[in-house]
Amino acid sequence: MFKKEEGYEEFLAEKIRRGEEDVKAGRVVTLEESKAEIRLLIESKARELEAAEREALIYG
């Protein structure tokens, strides 16, 4: 059997309450929006890595 830490139920209730408030206030993103943001971040980091690798070859 699992033993719950003291205060966990209150912590969880607060997280749920805040999440519900965020949804009601429209402070959410869709899965598709999240995927698009992550894709852009990955593409940006890939370009940074390519530039760093080119610099290493030139100045290495």
PDB file of N, CA and C in Angstrom:
ATOM      1  N   MET A   1       0.833  -1.176   0.000  1.00  0.00           N
ATOM      2  CA  MET A   1       0.000   0.000   0.000  1.00  0.00           C
ATOM      3  C   MET A   1       0.884   1.247   0.000  1.00  0.00           C
ATOM      4  N   PHE A   2       0.427   2.279  -0.708  1.00  0.00           N
ATOM      5  CA  PHE A   2       1.172   3.522  -0.767  1.00  0.00           C
ATOM      6  C   PHE A   2       0.854   4.399   0.429  1.00  0.00           C
ATOM      7  N   LYS A   3       1.881   5.068   0.930  1.00  0.00           N
ATOM      8  CA  LYS A   3       1.676   6.013   2.025  1.00  0.00           C
ATOM      9  C   LYS A   3       1.766   7.421   1.445  1.00  0.00           C
ATOM     10  N   LYS A   4       0.724   8.208   1.625  1.00  0.00           N
ATOM     11  CA  LYS A   4       0.701   9.574   1.115  1.00  0.00           C
ATOM     12  C   LYS A   4       1.427  10.486   2.093  1.00  0.00           C
ATOM     13  N   GLU A   5       2.177  11.418   1.523  1.00  0.00           N
ATOM     14  CA  GLU A   5       2.852  12.388   2.370  1.00  0.00           C
ATOM     15  C   GLU A   5       1.833  13.365   2.939  1.00  0.00           C
ATOM     16  N   GLU A   6       2.129  13.864   4.103  1.00  0.00           N
ATOM     17  CA  GLU A   6       1.241  14.831   4.743  1.00  0.00           C
ATOM     18  C   GLU A   6       1.153  16.083   3.876  1.00  0.00           C
ATOM     19  N   GLY A   7      -0.055  16.568   3.663  1.00  0.00           N
ATOM     20  CA  GLY A   7      -0.252  17.770   2.873  1.00  0.00           C
ATOM     21  C   GLY A   7      -0.431  17.513   1.391  1.00  0.00           C
ATOM     22  N   TYR A   8      -0.272  16.252   0.965  1.00  0.00           N
ATOM     23  CA  TYR A   8      -0.363  15.953  -0.466  1.00  0.00           C
ATOM     24  C   TYR A   8      -1.761  16.229  -1.010  1.00  0.00           C
ATOM     25  N   GLU A   9      -2.799  15.855  -0.261  1.00  0.00           N
ATOM     26  CA  GLU A   9      -4.176  16.058  -0.719  1.00  0.00           C
ATOM     27  C   GLU A   9      -4.444  17.547  -0.940  1.00  0.00           C
ATOM     28  N   GLU A  10      -3.976  18.393  -0.038  1.00  0.00           N
ATOM     29  CA  GLU A  10      -4.162  19.830  -0.171  1.00  0.00           C
ATOM     30  C   GLU A  10      -3.384  20.369  -1.364  1.00  0.00           C
ATOM     31  N   PHE A  11      -2.156  19.880  -1.529  1.00  0.00           N
ATOM     32  CA  PHE A  11      -1.323  20.283  -2.662  1.00  0.00           C
ATOM     33  C   PHE A  11      -2.025  19.942  -3.973  1.00  0.00           C
ATOM     34  N   LEU A  12      -2.522  18.723  -4.063  1.00  0.00           N
ATOM     35  CA  LEU A  12      -3.193  18.266  -5.269  1.00  0.00           C
ATOM     36  C   LEU A  12      -4.464  19.070  -5.531  1.00  0.00           C
ATOM     37  N   ALA A  13      -5.247  19.326  -4.501  1.00  0.00           N
ATOM     38  CA  ALA A  13      -6.475  20.106  -4.655  1.00  0.00           C
ATOM     39  C   ALA A  13      -6.167  21.512  -5.170  1.00  0.00           C
ATOM     40  N   GLU A  14      -5.096  22.123  -4.669  1.00  0.00           N
ATOM     41  CA  GLU A  14      -4.702  23.459  -5.118  1.00  0.00           C
ATOM     42  C   GLU A  14      -4.276  23.435  -6.581  1.00  0.00           C
ATOM     43  N   LYS A  15      -3.510  22.432  -6.991  1.00  0.00           N
ATOM     44  CA  LYS A  15      -3.086  22.320  -8.385  1.00  0.00           C
ATOM     45  C   LYS A  15      -4.290  22.181  -9.305  1.00  0.00           C
ATOM     46  N   ILE A  16      -5.254  21.373  -8.908  1.00  0.00           N
ATOM     47  CA  ILE A  16      -6.463  21.176  -9.710  1.00  0.00           C
ATOM     48  C   ILE A  16      -7.256  22.483  -9.788  1.00  0.00           C
ATOM     49  N   ARG A  17      -7.407  23.163  -8.661  1.00  0.00           N
ATOM     50  CA  ARG A  17      -8.148  24.427  -8.641  1.00  0.00           C
ATOM     51  C   ARG A  17      -7.500  25.452  -9.567  1.00  0.00           C
ATOM     52  N   ARG A  18      -6.174  25.568  -9.492  1.00  0.00           N
ATOM     53  CA  ARG A  18      -5.472  26.534 -10.343  1.00  0.00           C
ATOM     54  C   ARG A  18      -5.572  26.160 -11.814  1.00  0.00           C
ATOM     55  N   GLY A  19      -5.528  24.879 -12.103  1.00  0.00           N
ATOM     56  CA  GLY A  19      -5.681  24.423 -13.485  1.00  0.00           C
ATOM     57  C   GLY A  19      -7.051  24.755 -14.033  1.00  0.00           C
ATOM     58  N   GLU A  20      -8.073  24.556 -13.218  1.00  0.00           N
ATOM     59  CA  GLU A  20      -9.437  24.886 -13.639  1.00  0.00           C
ATOM     60  C   GLU A  20      -9.588  26.383 -13.870  1.00  0.00           C
ATOM     61  N   GLU A  21      -8.963  27.199 -13.015  1.00  0.00           N
ATOM     62  CA  GLU A  21      -8.992  28.651 -13.211  1.00  0.00           C
ATOM     63  C   GLU A  21      -8.326  29.034 -14.530  1.00  0.00           C
ATOM     64  N   ASP A  22      -7.192  28.424 -14.829  1.00  0.00           N
ATOM     65  CA  ASP A  22      -6.497  28.702 -16.084  1.00  0.00           C
ATOM     66  C   ASP A  22      -7.376  28.382 -17.286  1.00  0.00           C
ATOM     67  N   VAL A  23      -8.065  27.258 -17.240  1.00  0.00           N
ATOM     68  CA  VAL A  23      -8.944  26.871 -18.346  1.00  0.00           C
ATOM     69  C   VAL A  23     -10.068  27.889 -18.501  1.00  0.00           C
ATOM     70  N   LYS A  24     -10.699  28.257 -17.404  1.00  0.00           N
ATOM     71  CA  LYS A  24     -11.797  29.232 -17.452  1.00  0.00           C
ATOM     72  C   LYS A  24     -11.330  30.585 -17.983  1.00  0.00           C
ATOM     73  N   ALA A  25     -10.096  30.967 -17.649  1.00  0.00           N
ATOM     74  CA  ALA A  25      -9.556  32.262 -18.068  1.00  0.00           C
ATOM     75  C   ALA A  25      -8.953  32.204 -19.469  1.00  0.00           C
ATOM     76  N   GLY A  26      -8.918  31.022 -20.075  1.00  0.00           N
ATOM     77  CA  GLY A  26      -8.371  30.894 -21.423  1.00  0.00           C
ATOM     78  C   GLY A  26      -6.860  30.844 -21.478  1.00  0.00           C
ATOM     79  N   ARG A  27      -6.223  30.588 -20.349  1.00  0.00           N
ATOM     80  CA  ARG A  27      -4.754  30.510 -20.314  1.00  0.00           C
ATOM     81  C   ARG A  27      -4.310  29.083 -20.614  1.00  0.00           C
ATOM     82  N   VAL A  28      -4.604  28.646 -21.824  1.00  0.00           N
ATOM     83  CA  VAL A  28      -4.266  27.289 -22.248  1.00  0.00           C
ATOM     84  C   VAL A  28      -3.799  27.328 -23.695  1.00  0.00           C
ATOM     85  N   VAL A  29      -3.132  26.288 -24.118  1.00  0.00           N
ATOM     86  CA  VAL A  29      -2.772  26.110 -25.524  1.00  0.00           C
ATOM     87  C   VAL A  29      -3.258  24.727 -25.947  1.00  0.00           C
ATOM     88  N   THR A  30      -3.558  24.629 -27.224  1.00  0.00           N
ATOM     89  CA  THR A  30      -3.983  23.332 -27.730  1.00  0.00           C
ATOM     90  C   THR A  30      -2.761  22.451 -27.956  1.00  0.00           C
ATOM     91  N   LEU A  31      -3.008  21.174 -28.138  1.00  0.00           N
ATOM     92  CA  LEU A  31      -1.921  20.246 -28.428  1.00  0.00           C
ATOM     93  C   LEU A  31      -1.219  20.647 -29.718  1.00  0.00           C
ATOM     94  N   GLU A  32      -1.992  21.032 -30.719  1.00  0.00           N
ATOM     95  CA  GLU A  32      -1.398  21.439 -32.002  1.00  0.00           C
ATOM     96  C   GLU A  32      -0.534  22.682 -31.847  1.00  0.00           C
ATOM     97  N   GLU A  33      -0.987  23.659 -31.051  1.00  0.00           N
ATOM     98  CA  GLU A  33      -0.187  24.862 -30.812  1.00  0.00           C
ATOM     99  C   GLU A  33       1.115  24.505 -30.102  1.00  0.00           C
ATOM    100  N   SER A  34       1.025  23.631 -29.136  1.00  0.00           N
ATOM    101  CA  SER A  34       2.209  23.205 -28.396  1.00  0.00           C
ATOM    102  C   SER A  34       3.198  22.498 -29.313  1.00  0.00           C
ATOM    103  N   LYS A  35       2.691  21.608 -30.155  1.00  0.00           N
ATOM    104  CA  LYS A  35       3.565  20.893 -31.102  1.00  0.00           C
ATOM    105  C   LYS A  35       4.251  21.865 -32.054  1.00  0.00           C
ATOM    106  N   ALA A  36       3.514  22.866 -32.529  1.00  0.00           N
ATOM    107  CA  ALA A  36       4.086  23.855 -33.445  1.00  0.00           C
ATOM    108  C   ALA A  36       5.197  24.646 -32.762  1.00  0.00           C
ATOM    109  N   GLU A  37       4.975  25.058 -31.518  1.00  0.00           N
ATOM    110  CA  GLU A  37       6.002  25.792 -30.772  1.00  0.00           C
ATOM    111  C   GLU A  37       7.253  24.939 -30.577  1.00  0.00           C
ATOM    112  N   ILE A  38       7.065  23.684 -30.230  1.00  0.00           N
ATOM    113  CA  ILE A  38       8.201  22.789 -30.012  1.00  0.00           C
ATOM    114  C   ILE A  38       8.955  22.559 -31.314  1.00  0.00           C
ATOM    115  N   ARG A  39       8.213  22.384 -32.413  1.00  0.00           N
ATOM    116  CA  ARG A  39       8.848  22.188 -33.716  1.00  0.00           C
ATOM    117  C   ARG A  39       9.720  23.392 -34.076  1.00  0.00           C
ATOM    118  N   LEU A  40       9.192  24.615 -33.854  1.00  0.00           N
ATOM    119  CA  LEU A  40       9.972  25.822 -34.136  1.00  0.00           C
ATOM    120  C   LEU A  40      11.221  25.894 -33.267  1.00  0.00           C
ATOM    121  N   LEU A  41      11.096  25.535 -32.011  1.00  0.00           N
ATOM    122  CA  LEU A  41      12.247  25.549 -31.110  1.00  0.00           C
ATOM    123  C   LEU A  41      13.308  24.556 -31.577  1.00  0.00           C
ATOM    124  N   ILE A  42      12.887  23.364 -31.940  1.00  0.00           N
ATOM    125  CA  ILE A  42      13.837  22.343 -32.407  1.00  0.00           C
ATOM    126  C   ILE A  42      14.541  22.801 -33.683  1.00  0.00           C
ATOM    127  N   GLU A  43      13.779  23.385 -34.612  1.00  0.00           N
ATOM    128  CA  GLU A  43      14.386  23.875 -35.850  1.00  0.00           C
ATOM    129  C   GLU A  43      15.396  24.986 -35.570  1.00  0.00           C
ATOM    130  N   SER A  44      15.064  25.873 -34.644  1.00  0.00           N
ATOM    131  CA  SER A  44      15.972  26.952 -34.283  1.00  0.00           C
ATOM    132  C   SER A  44      17.257  26.406 -33.667  1.00  0.00           C
ATOM    133  N   LYS A  45      17.109  25.436 -32.767  1.00  0.00           N
ATOM    134  CA  LYS A  45      18.287  24.848 -32.124  1.00  0.00           C
ATOM    135  C   LYS A  45      19.137  24.077 -33.143  1.00  0.00           C
ATOM    136  N   ALA A  46      18.494  23.445 -34.114  1.00  0.00           N
ATOM    137  CA  ALA A  46      19.238  22.723 -35.151  1.00  0.00           C
ATOM    138  C   ALA A  46      20.076  23.703 -35.969  1.00  0.00           C
ATOM    139  N   ARG A  47      19.500  24.871 -36.290  1.00  0.00           N
ATOM    140  CA  ARG A  47      20.262  25.884 -37.028  1.00  0.00           C
ATOM    141  C   ARG A  47      21.435  26.397 -36.193  1.00  0.00           C
ATOM    142  N   GLU A  48      21.211  26.603 -34.895  1.00  0.00           N
ATOM    143  CA  GLU A  48      22.303  27.037 -34.015  1.00  0.00           C
ATOM    144  C   GLU A  48      23.423  26.003 -33.979  1.00  0.00           C
ATOM    145  N   LEU A  49      23.065  24.742 -33.893  1.00  0.00           N
ATOM    146  CA  LEU A  49      24.058  23.674 -33.866  1.00  0.00           C
ATOM    147  C   LEU A  49      24.841  23.621 -35.169  1.00  0.00           C
ATOM    148  N   GLU A  50      24.151  23.749 -36.293  1.00  0.00           N
ATOM    149  CA  GLU A  50      24.828  23.748 -37.589  1.00  0.00           C
ATOM    150  C   GLU A  50      25.812  24.910 -37.683  1.00  0.00           C
ATOM    151  N   ALA A  51      25.413  26.090 -37.229  1.00  0.00           N
ATOM    152  CA  ALA A  51      26.293  27.256 -37.264  1.00  0.00           C
ATOM    153  C   ALA A  51      27.507  27.037 -36.370  1.00  0.00           C
ATOM    154  N   ALA A  52      27.306  26.465 -35.198  1.00  0.00           N
ATOM    155  CA  ALA A  52      28.427  26.200 -34.286  1.00  0.00           C
ATOM    156  C   ALA A  52      29.377  25.180 -34.888  1.00  0.00           C
ATOM    157  N   GLU A  53      28.834  24.161 -35.550  1.00  0.00           N
ATOM    158  CA  GLU A  53      29.687  23.162 -36.181  1.00  0.00           C
ATOM    159  C   GLU A  53      30.495  23.761 -37.330  1.00  0.00           C
ATOM    160  N   ARG A  54      29.876  24.665 -38.096  1.00  0.00           N
ATOM    161  CA  ARG A  54      30.612  25.352 -39.177  1.00  0.00           C
ATOM    162  C   ARG A  54      31.735  26.193 -38.605  1.00  0.00           C
ATOM    163  N   GLU A  55      31.455  26.915 -37.514  1.00  0.00           N
ATOM    164  CA  GLU A  55      32.488  27.735 -36.879  1.00  0.00           C
ATOM    165  C   GLU A  55      33.643  26.875 -36.382  1.00  0.00           C
ATOM    166  N   ALA A  56      33.315  25.722 -35.820  1.00  0.00           N
ATOM    167  CA  ALA A  56      34.345  24.829 -35.299  1.00  0.00           C
ATOM    168  C   ALA A  56      35.241  24.332 -36.430  1.00  0.00           C
ATOM    169  N   LEU A  57      34.655  24.075 -37.596  1.00  0.00           N
ATOM    170  CA  LEU A  57      35.457  23.623 -38.722  1.00  0.00           C
ATOM    171  C   LEU A  57      36.355  24.735 -39.249  1.00  0.00           C
ATOM    172  N   ILE A  58      35.825  25.963 -39.260  1.00  0.00           N
ATOM    173  CA  ILE A  58      36.592  27.098 -39.773  1.00  0.00           C
ATOM    174  C   ILE A  58      37.708  27.498 -38.828  1.00  0.00           C
ATOM    175  N   TYR A  59      37.374  27.581 -37.531  1.00  0.00           N
ATOM    176  CA  TYR A  59      38.349  28.074 -36.554  1.00  0.00           C
ATOM    177  C   TYR A  59      39.027  26.968 -35.767  1.00  0.00           C
ATOM    178  N   GLY A  60      38.547  25.738 -35.955  1.00  0.00           N
ATOM    179  CA  GLY A  60      39.025  24.606 -35.168  1.00  0.00           C
ATOM    180  C   GLY A  60      40.414  24.251 -35.442  1.00  0.00           C
TER     181      GLY A  60
END
